[in-house]
């Protein structure tokens, strides 16, 4: 299964339905992306800090559509402000995960060794 890391508290905001758009500077190679594991972590990941071993699985989502992020979509992204040049990933079919599952957080989309039965 593929995963994407989201800095806290936004993974929890996705799981609760409060955050319906994920904003990224990049797009996946193809759509749709189904059964994407949302891993919440506490550290902003970068080239110098590419992994947070203490991530937590919080939800599984589908990404059916991506569009240029619009100034009118700040609230849906739970963002503090808008910047041009970013992509809005529409989060759908959100399935919160109720069991505590530690999953390392990494950059971009990455594969994890979890089955649907484990989450």
PDB file of N, CA and C in Angstrom:
ATOM      1  N   UNK A   1       0.862  -1.173   0.000  1.00  0.00           N
ATOM      2  CA  UNK A   1       0.000   0.000   0.000  1.00  0.00           C
ATOM      3  C   UNK A   1       0.899   1.223   0.000  1.00  0.00           C
ATOM      4  N   UNK A   2       0.431   2.304  -0.657  1.00  0.00           N
ATOM      5  CA  UNK A   2       1.197   3.545  -0.678  1.00  0.00           C
ATOM      6  C   UNK A   2       0.768   4.448   0.462  1.00  0.00           C
ATOM      7  N   UNK A   3       1.701   5.301   0.903  1.00  0.00           N
ATOM      8  CA  UNK A   3       1.452   6.217   2.013  1.00  0.00           C
ATOM      9  C   UNK A   3       1.986   7.596   1.652  1.00  0.00           C
ATOM     10  N   UNK A   4       1.481   8.583   2.383  1.00  0.00           N
ATOM     11  CA  UNK A   4       1.985   9.946   2.296  1.00  0.00           C
ATOM     12  C   UNK A   4       1.992  10.510   3.710  1.00  0.00           C
ATOM     13  N   UNK A   5       3.032  11.260   4.046  1.00  0.00           N
ATOM     14  CA  UNK A   5       3.102  11.822   5.399  1.00  0.00           C
ATOM     15  C   UNK A   5       2.534  13.231   5.420  1.00  0.00           C
ATOM     16  N   UNK A   6       1.871  13.537   6.522  1.00  0.00           N
ATOM     17  CA  UNK A   6       1.217  14.830   6.741  1.00  0.00           C
ATOM     18  C   UNK A   6       1.623  15.299   8.136  1.00  0.00           C
ATOM     19  N   UNK A   7       2.116  16.529   8.248  1.00  0.00           N
ATOM     20  CA  UNK A   7       2.544  17.045   9.552  1.00  0.00           C
ATOM     21  C   UNK A   7       1.327  17.299  10.438  1.00  0.00           C
ATOM     22  N   UNK A   8       1.453  16.941  11.706  1.00  0.00           N
ATOM     23  CA  UNK A   8       0.418  17.128  12.713  1.00  0.00           C
ATOM     24  C   UNK A   8       0.063  18.616  12.819  1.00  0.00           C
ATOM     25  N   UNK A   9      -1.185  18.946  12.984  1.00  0.00           N
ATOM     26  CA  UNK A   9      -2.371  18.136  13.250  1.00  0.00           C
ATOM     27  C   UNK A   9      -3.164  17.769  11.994  1.00  0.00           C
ATOM     28  N   UNK A  10      -2.581  17.961  10.827  1.00  0.00           N
ATOM     29  CA  UNK A  10      -3.366  17.846   9.596  1.00  0.00           C
ATOM     30  C   UNK A  10      -3.744  16.428   9.205  1.00  0.00           C
ATOM     31  N   UNK A  11      -2.996  15.427   9.639  1.00  0.00           N
ATOM     32  CA  UNK A  11      -3.450  14.052   9.425  1.00  0.00           C
ATOM     33  C   UNK A  11      -4.738  13.788  10.184  1.00  0.00           C
ATOM     34  N   UNK A  12      -4.780  14.241  11.417  1.00  0.00           N
ATOM     35  CA  UNK A  12      -5.987  14.113  12.233  1.00  0.00           C
ATOM     36  C   UNK A  12      -7.127  14.929  11.630  1.00  0.00           C
ATOM     37  N   UNK A  13      -6.812  16.113  11.083  1.00  0.00           N
ATOM     38  CA  UNK A  13      -7.835  16.930  10.423  1.00  0.00           C
ATOM     39  C   UNK A  13      -8.422  16.211   9.211  1.00  0.00           C
ATOM     40  N   UNK A  14      -7.602  15.459   8.490  1.00  0.00           N
ATOM     41  CA  UNK A  14      -8.093  14.656   7.364  1.00  0.00           C
ATOM     42  C   UNK A  14      -9.000  13.548   7.877  1.00  0.00           C
ATOM     43  N   UNK A  15      -8.535  12.819   8.893  1.00  0.00           N
ATOM     44  CA  UNK A  15      -9.306  11.695   9.432  1.00  0.00           C
ATOM     45  C   UNK A  15     -10.670  12.141   9.952  1.00  0.00           C
ATOM     46  N   UNK A  16     -10.750  13.350  10.499  1.00  0.00           N
ATOM     47  CA  UNK A  16     -12.016  13.852  11.051  1.00  0.00           C
ATOM     48  C   UNK A  16     -12.921  14.487   9.993  1.00  0.00           C
ATOM     49  N   UNK A  17     -12.405  14.663   8.766  1.00  0.00           N
ATOM     50  CA  UNK A  17     -13.200  15.282   7.715  1.00  0.00           C
ATOM     51  C   UNK A  17     -13.089  16.790   7.651  1.00  0.00           C
ATOM     52  N   UNK A  18     -12.322  17.384   8.547  1.00  0.00           N
ATOM     53  CA  UNK A  18     -12.159  18.837   8.573  1.00  0.00           C
ATOM     54  C   UNK A  18     -11.327  19.328   7.385  1.00  0.00           C
ATOM     55  N   UNK A  19     -10.295  18.601   7.027  1.00  0.00           N
ATOM     56  CA  UNK A  19      -9.399  18.959   5.922  1.00  0.00           C
ATOM     57  C   UNK A  19      -9.772  18.101   4.719  1.00  0.00           C
ATOM     58  N   UNK A  20     -10.234  18.740   3.644  1.00  0.00           N
ATOM     59  CA  UNK A  20     -10.692  18.002   2.466  1.00  0.00           C
ATOM     60  C   UNK A  20      -9.774  18.173   1.263  1.00  0.00           C
ATOM     61  N   UNK A  21      -8.780  19.046   1.389  1.00  0.00           N
ATOM     62  CA  UNK A  21      -7.778  19.234   0.338  1.00  0.00           C
ATOM     63  C   UNK A  21      -6.381  19.114   0.934  1.00  0.00           C
ATOM     64  N   UNK A  22      -5.508  18.397   0.272  1.00  0.00           N
ATOM     65  CA  UNK A  22      -4.100  18.344   0.641  1.00  0.00           C
ATOM     66  C   UNK A  22      -3.337  19.157  -0.394  1.00  0.00           C
ATOM     67  N   UNK A  23      -2.509  20.079   0.052  1.00  0.00           N
ATOM     68  CA  UNK A  23      -1.803  20.981  -0.846  1.00  0.00           C
ATOM     69  C   UNK A  23      -0.348  20.533  -0.963  1.00  0.00           C
ATOM     70  N   UNK A  24       0.073  20.356  -2.208  1.00  0.00           N
ATOM     71  CA  UNK A  24       1.437  19.904  -2.496  1.00  0.00           C
ATOM     72  C   UNK A  24       2.010  20.703  -3.662  1.00  0.00           C
ATOM     73  N   UNK A  25       3.333  20.749  -3.738  1.00  0.00           N
ATOM     74  CA  UNK A  25       4.005  21.419  -4.855  1.00  0.00           C
ATOM     75  C   UNK A  25       4.182  20.476  -6.036  1.00  0.00           C
ATOM     76  N   UNK A  26       3.799  19.230  -5.872  1.00  0.00           N
ATOM     77  CA  UNK A  26       3.979  18.204  -6.902  1.00  0.00           C
ATOM     78  C   UNK A  26       2.704  17.390  -7.039  1.00  0.00           C
ATOM     79  N   UNK A  27       2.636  16.638  -8.139  1.00  0.00           N
ATOM     80  CA  UNK A  27       1.489  15.758  -8.389  1.00  0.00           C
ATOM     81  C   UNK A  27       1.995  14.332  -8.564  1.00  0.00           C
ATOM     82  N   UNK A  28       1.154  13.343  -8.233  1.00  0.00           N
ATOM     83  CA  UNK A  28       1.553  11.950  -8.489  1.00  0.00           C
ATOM     84  C   UNK A  28       1.613  11.700  -9.993  1.00  0.00           C
ATOM     85  N   UNK A  29       2.297  10.642 -10.372  1.00  0.00           N
ATOM     86  CA  UNK A  29       2.469  10.323 -11.791  1.00  0.00           C
ATOM     87  C   UNK A  29       1.149  10.032 -12.490  1.00  0.00           C
ATOM     88  N   UNK A  30       0.208   9.413 -11.773  1.00  0.00           N
ATOM     89  CA  UNK A  30      -1.075   9.093 -12.390  1.00  0.00           C
ATOM     90  C   UNK A  30      -2.189   9.110 -11.344  1.00  0.00           C
ATOM     91  N   UNK A  31      -3.393   9.247 -11.835  1.00  0.00           N
ATOM     92  CA  UNK A  31      -4.598   9.211 -10.997  1.00  0.00           C
ATOM     93  C   UNK A  31      -5.505   8.116 -11.519  1.00  0.00           C
ATOM     94  N   UNK A  32      -6.375   7.598 -10.704  1.00  0.00           N
ATOM     95  CA  UNK A  32      -6.563   7.901  -9.290  1.00  0.00           C
ATOM     96  C   UNK A  32      -5.500   7.220  -8.423  1.00  0.00           C
ATOM     97  N   UNK A  33      -5.379   7.719  -7.200  1.00  0.00           N
ATOM     98  CA  UNK A  33      -4.580   7.055  -6.171  1.00  0.00           C
ATOM     99  C   UNK A  33      -5.586   6.597  -5.131  1.00  0.00           C
ATOM    100  N   UNK A  34      -5.814   5.304  -5.077  1.00  0.00           N
ATOM    101  CA  UNK A  34      -6.807   4.767  -4.143  1.00  0.00           C
ATOM    102  C   UNK A  34      -6.117   4.075  -2.975  1.00  0.00           C
ATOM    103  N   UNK A  35      -6.814   4.068  -1.850  1.00  0.00           N
ATOM    104  CA  UNK A  35      -6.317   3.413  -0.636  1.00  0.00           C
ATOM    105  C   UNK A  35      -4.945   3.955  -0.232  1.00  0.00           C
ATOM    106  N   UNK A  36      -4.838   5.276  -0.206  1.00  0.00           N
ATOM    107  CA  UNK A  36      -3.607   5.952   0.198  1.00  0.00           C
ATOM    108  C   UNK A  36      -3.608   6.115   1.717  1.00  0.00           C
ATOM    109  N   UNK A  37      -2.589   5.598   2.355  1.00  0.00           N
ATOM    110  CA  UNK A  37      -2.463   5.671   3.810  1.00  0.00           C
ATOM    111  C   UNK A  37      -1.947   7.050   4.206  1.00  0.00           C
ATOM    112  N   UNK A  38      -2.656   7.713   5.105  1.00  0.00           N
ATOM    113  CA  UNK A  38      -2.223   9.000   5.640  1.00  0.00           C
ATOM    114  C   UNK A  38      -1.452   8.735   6.927  1.00  0.00           C
ATOM    115  N   UNK A  39      -0.187   9.151   6.934  1.00  0.00           N
ATOM    116  CA  UNK A  39       0.691   8.978   8.092  1.00  0.00           C
ATOM    117  C   UNK A  39       0.960  10.356   8.675  1.00  0.00           C
ATOM    118  N   UNK A  40       0.532  10.563   9.916  1.00  0.00           N
ATOM    119  CA  UNK A  40       0.761  11.842  10.582  1.00  0.00           C
ATOM    120  C   UNK A  40       2.079  11.786  11.338  1.00  0.00           C
ATOM    121  N   UNK A  41       2.884  12.829  11.164  1.00  0.00           N
ATOM    122  CA  UNK A  41       4.164  12.902  11.874  1.00  0.00           C
ATOM    123  C   UNK A  41       4.341  14.296  12.453  1.00  0.00           C
ATOM    124  N   UNK A  42       5.309  14.439  13.341  1.00  0.00           N
ATOM    125  CA  UNK A  42       5.474  15.718  14.035  1.00  0.00           C
ATOM    126  C   UNK A  42       6.582  16.589  13.458  1.00  0.00           C
ATOM    127  N   UNK A  43       7.349  16.083  12.514  1.00  0.00           N
ATOM    128  CA  UNK A  43       8.472  16.830  11.967  1.00  0.00           C
ATOM    129  C   UNK A  43       8.261  17.112  10.481  1.00  0.00           C
ATOM    130  N   UNK A  44       8.605  18.321  10.038  1.00  0.00           N
ATOM    131  CA  UNK A  44       8.572  18.632   8.622  1.00  0.00           C
ATOM    132  C   UNK A  44       9.729  17.889   7.961  1.00  0.00           C
ATOM    133  N   UNK A  45       9.415  17.095   6.945  1.00  0.00           N
ATOM    134  CA  UNK A  45      10.444  16.297   6.279  1.00  0.00           C
ATOM    135  C   UNK A  45      11.079  17.089   5.140  1.00  0.00           C
ATOM    136  N   UNK A  46      12.381  16.876   4.947  1.00  0.00           N
ATOM    137  CA  UNK A  46      13.125  17.583   3.914  1.00  0.00           C
ATOM    138  C   UNK A  46      14.215  16.658   3.382  1.00  0.00           C
ATOM    139  N   UNK A  47      14.982  17.136   2.441  1.00  0.00           N
ATOM    140  CA  UNK A  47      16.100  16.342   1.922  1.00  0.00           C
ATOM    141  C   UNK A  47      17.072  16.024   3.049  1.00  0.00           C
ATOM    142  N   UNK A  48      17.284  16.983   3.953  1.00  0.00           N
ATOM    143  CA  UNK A  48      18.193  16.765   5.084  1.00  0.00           C
ATOM    144  C   UNK A  48      17.572  15.922   6.189  1.00  0.00           C
ATOM    145  N   UNK A  49      16.248  15.866   6.255  1.00  0.00           N
ATOM    146  CA  UNK A  49      15.525  15.114   7.284  1.00  0.00           C
ATOM    147  C   UNK A  49      14.418  14.308   6.595  1.00  0.00           C
ATOM    148  N   UNK A  50      14.775  13.222   5.856  1.00  0.00           N
ATOM    149  CA  UNK A  50      13.806  12.541   4.995  1.00  0.00           C
ATOM    150  C   UNK A  50      12.872  11.544   5.678  1.00  0.00           C
ATOM    151  N   UNK A  51      13.145  11.174   6.936  1.00  0.00           N
ATOM    152  CA  UNK A  51      12.330  10.151   7.610  1.00  0.00           C
ATOM    153  C   UNK A  51      12.062  10.549   9.049  1.00  0.00           C
ATOM    154  N   UNK A  52      10.825  10.328   9.482  1.00  0.00           N
ATOM    155  CA  UNK A  52      10.445  10.427  10.890  1.00  0.00           C
ATOM    156  C   UNK A  52       9.976   9.027  11.289  1.00  0.00           C
ATOM    157  N   UNK A  53      10.743   8.304  12.093  1.00  0.00           N
ATOM    158  CA  UNK A  53      10.378   6.921  12.427  1.00  0.00           C
ATOM    159  C   UNK A  53       9.138   6.801  13.299  1.00  0.00           C
ATOM    160  N   UNK A  54       8.641   7.925  13.817  1.00  0.00           N
ATOM    161  CA  UNK A  54       7.525   7.888  14.764  1.00  0.00           C
ATOM    162  C   UNK A  54       6.206   8.366  14.176  1.00  0.00           C
ATOM    163  N   UNK A  55       5.986   8.116  12.895  1.00  0.00           N
ATOM    164  CA  UNK A  55       4.708   8.471  12.287  1.00  0.00           C
ATOM    165  C   UNK A  55       3.588   7.581  12.795  1.00  0.00           C
ATOM    166  N   UNK A  56       2.350   8.027  12.562  1.00  0.00           N
ATOM    167  CA  UNK A  56       1.183   7.275  13.020  1.00  0.00           C
ATOM    168  C   UNK A  56       0.154   7.206  11.895  1.00  0.00           C
ATOM    169  N   UNK A  57      -0.310   6.018  11.574  1.00  0.00           N
ATOM    170  CA  UNK A  57      -1.353   5.846  10.563  1.00  0.00           C
ATOM    171  C   UNK A  57      -2.661   6.395  11.117  1.00  0.00           C
ATOM    172  N   UNK A  58      -3.293   7.331  10.374  1.00  0.00           N
ATOM    173  CA  UNK A  58      -4.519   7.955  10.880  1.00  0.00           C
ATOM    174  C   UNK A  58      -5.730   7.771   9.966  1.00  0.00           C
ATOM    175  N   UNK A  59      -5.494   7.512   8.672  1.00  0.00           N
ATOM    176  CA  UNK A  59      -6.630   7.367   7.750  1.00  0.00           C
ATOM    177  C   UNK A  59      -6.178   6.731   6.441  1.00  0.00           C
ATOM    178  N   UNK A  60      -7.151   6.266   5.698  1.00  0.00           N
ATOM    179  CA  UNK A  60      -6.950   5.816   4.324  1.00  0.00           C
ATOM    180  C   UNK A  60      -7.886   6.660   3.466  1.00  0.00           C
ATOM    181  N   UNK A  61      -7.368   7.185   2.351  1.00  0.00           N
ATOM    182  CA  UNK A  61      -8.159   8.065   1.487  1.00  0.00           C
ATOM    183  C   UNK A  61      -7.980   7.669   0.025  1.00  0.00           C
ATOM    184  N   UNK A  62      -8.812   8.254  -0.805  1.00  0.00           N
ATOM    185  CA  UNK A  62      -8.650   8.151  -2.251  1.00  0.00           C
ATOM    186  C   UNK A  62      -8.393   9.555  -2.789  1.00  0.00           C
ATOM    187  N   UNK A  63      -7.568   9.627  -3.825  1.00  0.00           N
ATOM    188  CA  UNK A  63      -7.321  10.875  -4.541  1.00  0.00           C
ATOM    189  C   UNK A  63      -7.807  10.644  -5.962  1.00  0.00           C
ATOM    190  N   UNK A  64      -8.918  11.241  -6.301  1.00  0.00           N
ATOM    191  CA  UNK A  64      -9.500  11.074  -7.631  1.00  0.00           C
ATOM    192  C   UNK A  64      -9.176  12.249  -8.538  1.00  0.00           C
ATOM    193  N   UNK A  65      -8.923  13.427  -7.942  1.00  0.00           N
ATOM    194  CA  UNK A  65      -8.786  14.641  -8.733  1.00  0.00           C
ATOM    195  C   UNK A  65      -7.764  15.570  -8.105  1.00  0.00           C
ATOM    196  N   UNK A  66      -6.986  16.242  -8.956  1.00  0.00           N
ATOM    197  CA  UNK A  66      -6.013  17.251  -8.526  1.00  0.00           C
ATOM    198  C   UNK A  66      -6.165  18.453  -9.447  1.00  0.00           C
ATOM    199  N   UNK A  67      -6.144  19.649  -8.851  1.00  0.00           N
ATOM    200  CA  UNK A  67      -6.265  20.872  -9.642  1.00  0.00           C
ATOM    201  C   UNK A  67      -5.374  21.954  -9.040  1.00  0.00           C
ATOM    202  N   UNK A  68      -5.195  23.043  -9.790  1.00  0.00           N
ATOM    203  CA  UNK A  68      -4.421  24.165  -9.253  1.00  0.00           C
ATOM    204  C   UNK A  68      -5.141  24.712  -8.030  1.00  0.00           C
ATOM    205  N   UNK A  69      -4.384  24.910  -6.967  1.00  0.00           N
ATOM    206  CA  UNK A  69      -4.945  25.436  -5.731  1.00  0.00           C
ATOM    207  C   UNK A  69      -5.424  26.874  -5.944  1.00  0.00           C
ATOM    208  N   UNK A  70      -6.627  27.163  -5.462  1.00  0.00           N
ATOM    209  CA  UNK A  70      -7.252  28.473  -5.632  1.00  0.00           C
ATOM    210  C   UNK A  70      -7.286  29.239  -4.303  1.00  0.00           C
ATOM    211  N   UNK A  71      -7.218  30.573  -4.356  1.00  0.00           N
ATOM    212  CA  UNK A  71      -7.286  31.378  -3.122  1.00  0.00           C
ATOM    213  C   UNK A  71      -8.544  31.113  -2.299  1.00  0.00           C
ATOM    214  N   UNK A  72      -9.617  30.705  -2.940  1.00  0.00           N
ATOM    215  CA  UNK A  72     -10.882  30.458  -2.237  1.00  0.00           C
ATOM    216  C   UNK A  72     -10.882  29.126  -1.476  1.00  0.00           C
ATOM    217  N   UNK A  73      -9.802  28.342  -1.577  1.00  0.00           N
ATOM    218  CA  UNK A  73      -9.774  27.001  -0.974  1.00  0.00           C
ATOM    219  C   UNK A  73      -8.895  26.897   0.277  1.00  0.00           C
ATOM    220  N   UNK A  74      -8.574  28.019   0.885  1.00  0.00           N
ATOM    221  CA  UNK A  74      -7.709  28.025   2.076  1.00  0.00           C
ATOM    222  C   UNK A  74      -8.352  27.263   3.235  1.00  0.00           C
ATOM    223  N   UNK A  75      -9.631  27.470   3.479  1.00  0.00           N
ATOM    224  CA  UNK A  75     -10.311  26.808   4.603  1.00  0.00           C
ATOM    225  C   UNK A  75     -10.361  25.296   4.417  1.00  0.00           C
ATOM    226  N   UNK A  76     -10.662  24.820   3.200  1.00  0.00           N
ATOM    227  CA  UNK A  76     -10.730  23.382   2.932  1.00  0.00           C
ATOM    228  C   UNK A  76      -9.382  22.695   3.126  1.00  0.00           C
ATOM    229  N   UNK A  77      -8.303  23.464   2.973  1.00  0.00           N
ATOM    230  CA  UNK A  77      -6.958  22.929   3.146  1.00  0.00           C
ATOM    231  C   UNK A  77      -6.442  23.101   4.572  1.00  0.00           C
ATOM    232  N   UNK A  78      -7.246  23.736   5.437  1.00  0.00           N
ATOM    233  CA  UNK A  78      -6.817  24.052   6.812  1.00  0.00           C
ATOM    234  C   UNK A  78      -5.482  24.791   6.799  1.00  0.00           C
ATOM    235  N   UNK A  79      -5.364  25.724   5.872  1.00  0.00           N
ATOM    236  CA  UNK A  79      -4.126  26.462   5.681  1.00  0.00           C
ATOM    237  C   UNK A  79      -4.219  27.847   6.309  1.00  0.00           C
ATOM    238  N   UNK A  80      -3.072  28.426   6.593  1.00  0.00           N
ATOM    239  CA  UNK A  80      -3.047  29.777   7.145  1.00  0.00           C
ATOM    240  C   UNK A  80      -2.971  30.834   6.044  1.00  0.00           C
ATOM    241  N   UNK A  81      -2.791  30.402   4.797  1.00  0.00           N
ATOM    242  CA  UNK A  81      -2.732  31.348   3.696  1.00  0.00           C
ATOM    243  C   UNK A  81      -2.534  30.639   2.366  1.00  0.00           C
ATOM    244  N   UNK A  82      -2.724  31.384   1.286  1.00  0.00           N
ATOM    245  CA  UNK A  82      -2.635  30.835  -0.065  1.00  0.00           C
ATOM    246  C   UNK A  82      -1.357  31.303  -0.741  1.00  0.00           C
ATOM    247  N   UNK A  83      -0.762  30.436  -1.560  1.00  0.00           N
ATOM    248  CA  UNK A  83       0.377  30.783  -2.405  1.00  0.00           C
ATOM    249  C   UNK A  83       0.137  30.189  -3.787  1.00  0.00           C
ATOM    250  N   UNK A  84       0.505  30.895  -4.834  1.00  0.00           N
ATOM    251  CA  UNK A  84       0.316  30.346  -6.184  1.00  0.00           C
ATOM    252  C   UNK A  84       1.318  29.228  -6.459  1.00  0.00           C
ATOM    253  N   UNK A  85       0.990  28.406  -7.457  1.00  0.00           N
ATOM    254  CA  UNK A  85       1.921  27.384  -7.908  1.00  0.00           C
ATOM    255  C   UNK A  85       1.804  26.052  -7.196  1.00  0.00           C
ATOM    256  N   UNK A  86       0.752  25.863  -6.408  1.00  0.00           N
ATOM    257  CA  UNK A  86       0.562  24.611  -5.688  1.00  0.00           C
ATOM    258  C   UNK A  86      -0.629  23.844  -6.245  1.00  0.00           C
ATOM    259  N   UNK A  87      -0.671  22.562  -5.920  1.00  0.00           N
ATOM    260  CA  UNK A  87      -1.730  21.660  -6.374  1.00  0.00           C
ATOM    261  C   UNK A  87      -2.615  21.266  -5.200  1.00  0.00           C
ATOM    262  N   UNK A  88      -3.912  21.246  -5.439  1.00  0.00           N
ATOM    263  CA  UNK A  88      -4.899  20.826  -4.434  1.00  0.00           C
ATOM    264  C   UNK A  88      -5.338  19.404  -4.763  1.00  0.00           C
ATOM    265  N   UNK A  89      -5.045  18.490  -3.870  1.00  0.00           N
ATOM    266  CA  UNK A  89      -5.445  17.093  -4.012  1.00  0.00           C
ATOM    267  C   UNK A  89      -6.782  16.928  -3.295  1.00  0.00           C
ATOM    268  N   UNK A  90      -7.816  16.549  -4.012  1.00  0.00           N
ATOM    269  CA  UNK A  90      -9.133  16.364  -3.408  1.00  0.00           C
ATOM    270  C   UNK A  90      -9.177  15.011  -2.708  1.00  0.00           C
ATOM    271  N   UNK A  91      -9.423  15.044  -1.395  1.00  0.00           N
ATOM    272  CA  UNK A  91      -9.454  13.838  -0.573  1.00  0.00           C
ATOM    273  C   UNK A  91     -10.882  13.297  -0.524  1.00  0.00           C
ATOM    274  N   UNK A  92     -11.061  12.031  -0.882  1.00  0.00           N
ATOM    275  CA  UNK A  92     -12.391  11.434  -0.855  1.00  0.00           C
ATOM    276  C   UNK A  92     -12.330  10.053  -0.206  1.00  0.00           C
ATOM    277  N   UNK A  93     -13.514   9.531   0.086  1.00  0.00           N
ATOM    278  CA  UNK A  93     -13.629   8.197   0.691  1.00  0.00           C
ATOM    279  C   UNK A  93     -12.693   8.057   1.892  1.00  0.00           C
ATOM    280  N   UNK A  94     -12.764   9.005   2.801  1.00  0.00           N
ATOM    281  CA  UNK A  94     -11.887   9.032   3.982  1.00  0.00           C
ATOM    282  C   UNK A  94     -12.331   7.974   4.979  1.00  0.00           C
ATOM    283  N   UNK A  95     -11.388   7.114   5.337  1.00  0.00           N
ATOM    284  CA  UNK A  95     -11.652   6.059   6.316  1.00  0.00           C
ATOM    285  C   UNK A  95     -10.679   6.199   7.488  1.00  0.00           C
ATOM    286  N   UNK A  96     -11.143   6.786   8.609  1.00  0.00           N
ATOM    287  CA  UNK A  96     -10.265   6.941   9.774  1.00  0.00           C
ATOM    288  C   UNK A  96      -9.780   5.595  10.303  1.00  0.00           C
ATOM    289  N   UNK A  97      -8.595   5.602  10.857  1.00  0.00           N
ATOM    290  CA  UNK A  97      -8.017   4.407  11.476  1.00  0.00           C
ATOM    291  C   UNK A  97      -8.077   4.594  12.984  1.00  0.00           C
ATOM    292  N   UNK A  98      -8.710   3.671  13.671  1.00  0.00           N
ATOM    293  CA  UNK A  98      -8.899   3.822  15.114  1.00  0.00           C
ATOM    294  C   UNK A  98      -7.819   3.125  15.938  1.00  0.00           C
ATOM    295  N   UNK A  99      -7.098   2.188  15.343  1.00  0.00           N
ATOM    296  CA  UNK A  99      -6.054   1.494  16.088  1.00  0.00           C
ATOM    297  C   UNK A  99      -4.729   2.239  15.966  1.00  0.00           C
ATOM    298  N   UNK A 100      -3.970   2.269  17.026  1.00  0.00           N
ATOM    299  CA  UNK A 100      -2.657   2.924  17.038  1.00  0.00           C
ATOM    300  C   UNK A 100      -1.672   2.079  16.237  1.00  0.00           C
ATOM    301  N   UNK A 101      -1.169   2.626  15.159  1.00  0.00           N
ATOM    302  CA  UNK A 101      -0.250   1.911  14.283  1.00  0.00           C
ATOM    303  C   UNK A 101       0.911   2.844  13.939  1.00  0.00           C
ATOM    304  N   UNK A 102       2.126   2.516  14.415  1.00  0.00           N
ATOM    305  CA  UNK A 102       3.309   3.319  14.112  1.00  0.00           C
ATOM    306  C   UNK A 102       3.811   2.950  12.719  1.00  0.00           C
ATOM    307  N   UNK A 103       3.991   3.981  11.887  1.00  0.00           N
ATOM    308  CA  UNK A 103       4.468   3.817  10.517  1.00  0.00           C
ATOM    309  C   UNK A 103       5.480   4.928  10.259  1.00  0.00           C
ATOM    310  N   UNK A 104       6.683   4.606   9.831  1.00  0.00           N
ATOM    311  CA  UNK A 104       7.640   5.675   9.526  1.00  0.00           C
ATOM    312  C   UNK A 104       7.084   6.631   8.470  1.00  0.00           C
ATOM    313  N   UNK A 105       7.309   7.920   8.672  1.00  0.00           N
ATOM    314  CA  UNK A 105       6.893   8.941   7.712  1.00  0.00           C
ATOM    315  C   UNK A 105       8.075   9.226   6.784  1.00  0.00           C
ATOM    316  N   UNK A 106       7.775   9.288   5.487  1.00  0.00           N
ATOM    317  CA  UNK A 106       8.801   9.570   4.488  1.00  0.00           C
ATOM    318  C   UNK A 106       8.278  10.627   3.529  1.00  0.00           C
ATOM    319  N   UNK A 107       9.153  11.098   2.661  1.00  0.00           N
ATOM    320  CA  UNK A 107       8.787  12.116   1.670  1.00  0.00           C
ATOM    321  C   UNK A 107       8.091  11.495   0.462  1.00  0.00           C
ATOM    322  N   UNK A 108       7.276  12.321  -0.218  1.00  0.00           N
ATOM    323  CA  UNK A 108       6.555  11.940  -1.437  1.00  0.00           C
ATOM    324  C   UNK A 108       5.611  10.761  -1.165  1.00  0.00           C
ATOM    325  N   UNK A 109       5.247  10.007  -2.202  1.00  0.00           N
ATOM    326  CA  UNK A 109       4.480   8.769  -2.021  1.00  0.00           C
ATOM    327  C   UNK A 109       5.475   7.646  -1.808  1.00  0.00           C
ATOM    328  N   UNK A 110       5.196   6.769  -0.851  1.00  0.00           N
ATOM    329  CA  UNK A 110       6.121   5.672  -0.569  1.00  0.00           C
ATOM    330  C   UNK A 110       5.344   4.423  -0.184  1.00  0.00           C
ATOM    331  N   UNK A 111       5.954   3.284  -0.440  1.00  0.00           N
ATOM    332  CA  UNK A 111       5.314   2.007  -0.146  1.00  0.00           C
ATOM    333  C   UNK A 111       5.516   1.633   1.315  1.00  0.00           C
ATOM    334  N   UNK A 112       4.468   1.063   1.908  1.00  0.00           N
ATOM    335  CA  UNK A 112       4.557   0.536   3.275  1.00  0.00           C
ATOM    336  C   UNK A 112       4.078  -0.900   3.261  1.00  0.00           C
ATOM    337  N   UNK A 113       4.546  -1.668   4.215  1.00  0.00           N
ATOM    338  CA  UNK A 113       4.188  -3.082   4.314  1.00  0.00           C
ATOM    339  C   UNK A 113       3.038  -3.272   5.293  1.00  0.00           C
ATOM    340  N   UNK A 114       1.861  -2.792   4.910  1.00  0.00           N
ATOM    341  CA  UNK A 114       0.666  -2.981   5.725  1.00  0.00           C
ATOM    342  C   UNK A 114      -0.444  -3.490   4.822  1.00  0.00           C
ATOM    343  N   UNK A 115      -1.256  -4.343   5.358  1.00  0.00           N
ATOM    344  CA  UNK A 115      -2.431  -4.787   4.607  1.00  0.00           C
ATOM    345  C   UNK A 115      -3.648  -4.064   5.155  1.00  0.00           C
ATOM    346  N   UNK A 116      -4.737  -4.089   4.419  1.00  0.00           N
ATOM    347  CA  UNK A 116      -5.979  -3.459   4.908  1.00  0.00           C
ATOM    348  C   UNK A 116      -6.430  -4.087   6.220  1.00  0.00           C
ATOM    349  N   UNK A 117      -6.129  -5.357   6.442  1.00  0.00           N
ATOM    350  CA  UNK A 117      -6.521  -6.033   7.677  1.00  0.00           C
ATOM    351  C   UNK A 117      -5.785  -5.457   8.880  1.00  0.00           C
ATOM    352  N   UNK A 118      -4.562  -4.940   8.664  1.00  0.00           N
ATOM    353  CA  UNK A 118      -3.773  -4.389   9.773  1.00  0.00           C
ATOM    354  C   UNK A 118      -4.209  -2.993  10.168  1.00  0.00           C
ATOM    355  N   UNK A 119      -4.878  -2.291   9.272  1.00  0.00           N
ATOM    356  CA  UNK A 119      -5.299  -0.915   9.569  1.00  0.00           C
ATOM    357  C   UNK A 119      -6.790  -0.893   9.650  1.00  0.00           C
TER     358      UNK A 119
END
